[in-house]
Protein backbone atom coordinates (compact mmCIF):
# COMPACT_ATOMS: atom_id res chain seq x y z
CA MET A 1 109.60 -91.80 79.00
CA ILE A 2 112.17 -89.67 80.80
CA GLU A 3 112.25 -87.18 77.89
CA SER A 4 108.48 -86.66 77.94
CA CYS A 5 108.53 -86.06 81.70
CA LYS A 6 111.32 -83.53 81.22
CA SER A 7 109.26 -81.77 78.53
CA PHE A 8 106.18 -81.75 80.76
CA SER A 9 108.23 -80.26 83.58
CA MET A 10 109.54 -77.55 81.26
CA CYS A 11 106.00 -76.75 80.07
CA ASP A 12 104.78 -76.63 83.65
CA THR A 13 107.55 -74.17 84.50
CA LYS A 14 106.63 -71.99 81.52
CA LEU A 15 102.96 -71.99 82.57
CA SER A 16 103.97 -70.94 86.07
CA LEU A 17 105.99 -68.07 84.66
CA LEU A 18 103.10 -66.98 82.45
CA SER A 19 100.74 -66.86 85.42
CA VAL A 20 103.07 -64.34 87.07
CA MET A 21 103.40 -62.06 84.01
CA ASP A 22 101.22 -59.00 83.83
CA ASN A 23 98.96 -58.44 80.82
CA GLU A 24 101.28 -55.98 79.09
CA THR A 25 104.21 -58.37 79.27
CA LEU A 26 102.07 -61.23 78.03
CA ILE A 27 100.81 -59.20 75.07
CA THR A 28 104.35 -58.10 74.22
CA SER A 29 105.55 -61.70 74.43
CA HIS A 30 102.71 -62.85 72.16
CA PHE A 31 103.50 -60.10 69.64
CA ASN A 32 107.19 -61.03 69.66
CA ASN A 33 106.40 -64.72 69.11
CA ASN A 34 104.24 -63.89 66.10
CA LYS A 35 107.02 -61.68 64.73
CA LYS A 36 109.54 -64.52 65.19
CA LEU A 37 107.29 -66.86 63.20
CA LEU A 38 107.05 -64.31 60.40
CA ASP A 39 110.78 -63.61 60.40
CA THR A 40 111.96 -67.23 60.51
CA GLU A 41 109.40 -68.46 57.97
CA GLU A 42 109.45 -71.94 59.47
CA ASN A 43 106.47 -74.22 58.90
CA TYR A 44 104.42 -71.59 57.09
CA ASP A 45 101.45 -72.71 55.02
CA VAL A 46 100.31 -69.45 53.41
CA LYS A 47 101.99 -67.67 50.52
CA ILE A 48 100.75 -64.11 50.16
CA GLN A 49 101.55 -62.51 46.83
CA ILE A 50 101.27 -58.73 47.09
CA GLY A 51 101.79 -55.99 44.57
CA VAL A 52 101.04 -55.31 40.94
CA GLU A 53 102.16 -57.24 37.83
CA PHE A 54 105.79 -56.16 37.55
CA ASP A 55 106.40 -55.72 41.29
CA VAL A 56 104.98 -58.76 43.09
CA LYS A 57 106.50 -59.85 46.40
CA GLU A 58 105.77 -63.09 48.22
CA LEU A 59 105.38 -63.15 51.98
CA HIS A 60 104.89 -66.25 54.07
CA ALA A 61 102.60 -66.69 57.05
CA HIS A 62 100.78 -69.25 59.18
CA SER A 63 97.11 -69.82 58.44
CA SER A 64 96.15 -70.49 62.06
CA ILE A 65 97.48 -67.11 63.19
CA LEU A 66 95.92 -65.23 60.27
CA TYR A 67 92.62 -67.03 60.73
CA ILE A 68 92.28 -66.26 64.42
CA GLN A 69 93.50 -62.66 64.34
CA CYS A 70 91.73 -61.08 61.39
CA PRO A 71 88.25 -61.46 59.86
CA PHE A 72 89.61 -60.53 56.41
CA PHE A 73 92.09 -63.41 56.46
CA ARG A 74 89.55 -65.76 58.07
CA ASN A 75 87.18 -65.16 55.16
CA ALA A 76 89.94 -65.40 52.55
CA LEU A 77 91.34 -68.66 53.95
CA THR A 78 87.89 -70.21 54.30
CA ASN A 79 87.35 -69.73 50.57
CA LEU A 80 90.76 -71.11 49.47
CA THR A 81 92.04 -74.62 48.99
CA LYS A 82 95.65 -75.61 49.43
CA GLU A 83 97.83 -75.99 46.36
CA ASN A 84 100.88 -78.19 46.93
CA GLY A 85 100.47 -77.76 50.69
CA TYR A 86 100.06 -73.97 50.65
CA TYR A 87 97.24 -71.49 50.59
CA ILE A 88 98.00 -68.93 47.87
CA LEU A 89 96.53 -65.52 48.60
CA GLN A 90 96.90 -62.76 46.00
CA ILE A 91 96.47 -59.17 47.09
CA SER A 92 97.05 -56.39 44.58
CA ASN A 93 97.28 -52.63 44.95
CA ILE A 94 99.29 -52.67 48.17
CA SER A 95 103.02 -52.48 48.69
CA GLU A 96 105.15 -54.80 50.80
CA ARG A 97 106.15 -51.79 52.92
CA ILE A 98 102.53 -51.22 53.92
CA PHE A 99 101.37 -54.83 54.08
CA LYS A 100 104.20 -56.45 56.07
CA PRO A 101 103.48 -54.50 59.29
CA ILE A 102 99.88 -55.76 59.07
CA LEU A 103 101.18 -59.31 59.35
CA LYS A 104 103.30 -58.45 62.36
């Protein structure tokens, strides 16, 4: 019980801080949080295989973020079913160098 109250208090403090932030800071913070998720690869549920036959790279992402931020991914994820707990999305004819910034 004490732990949940402590957590609620911490969340309340974070919400108060967010209400003071200006829009630019909030957008930057949101961008940085998405980048952290991509970089840490924790709790991802999408495996994106990009490239062509001999040069395929696998990137990891979160379906909820992809779904909400991009109509292309929303459509792709809607038409996929999970395999072993992951959506597998294959995209050819694009390099990791070009595609990775799209995810960020």
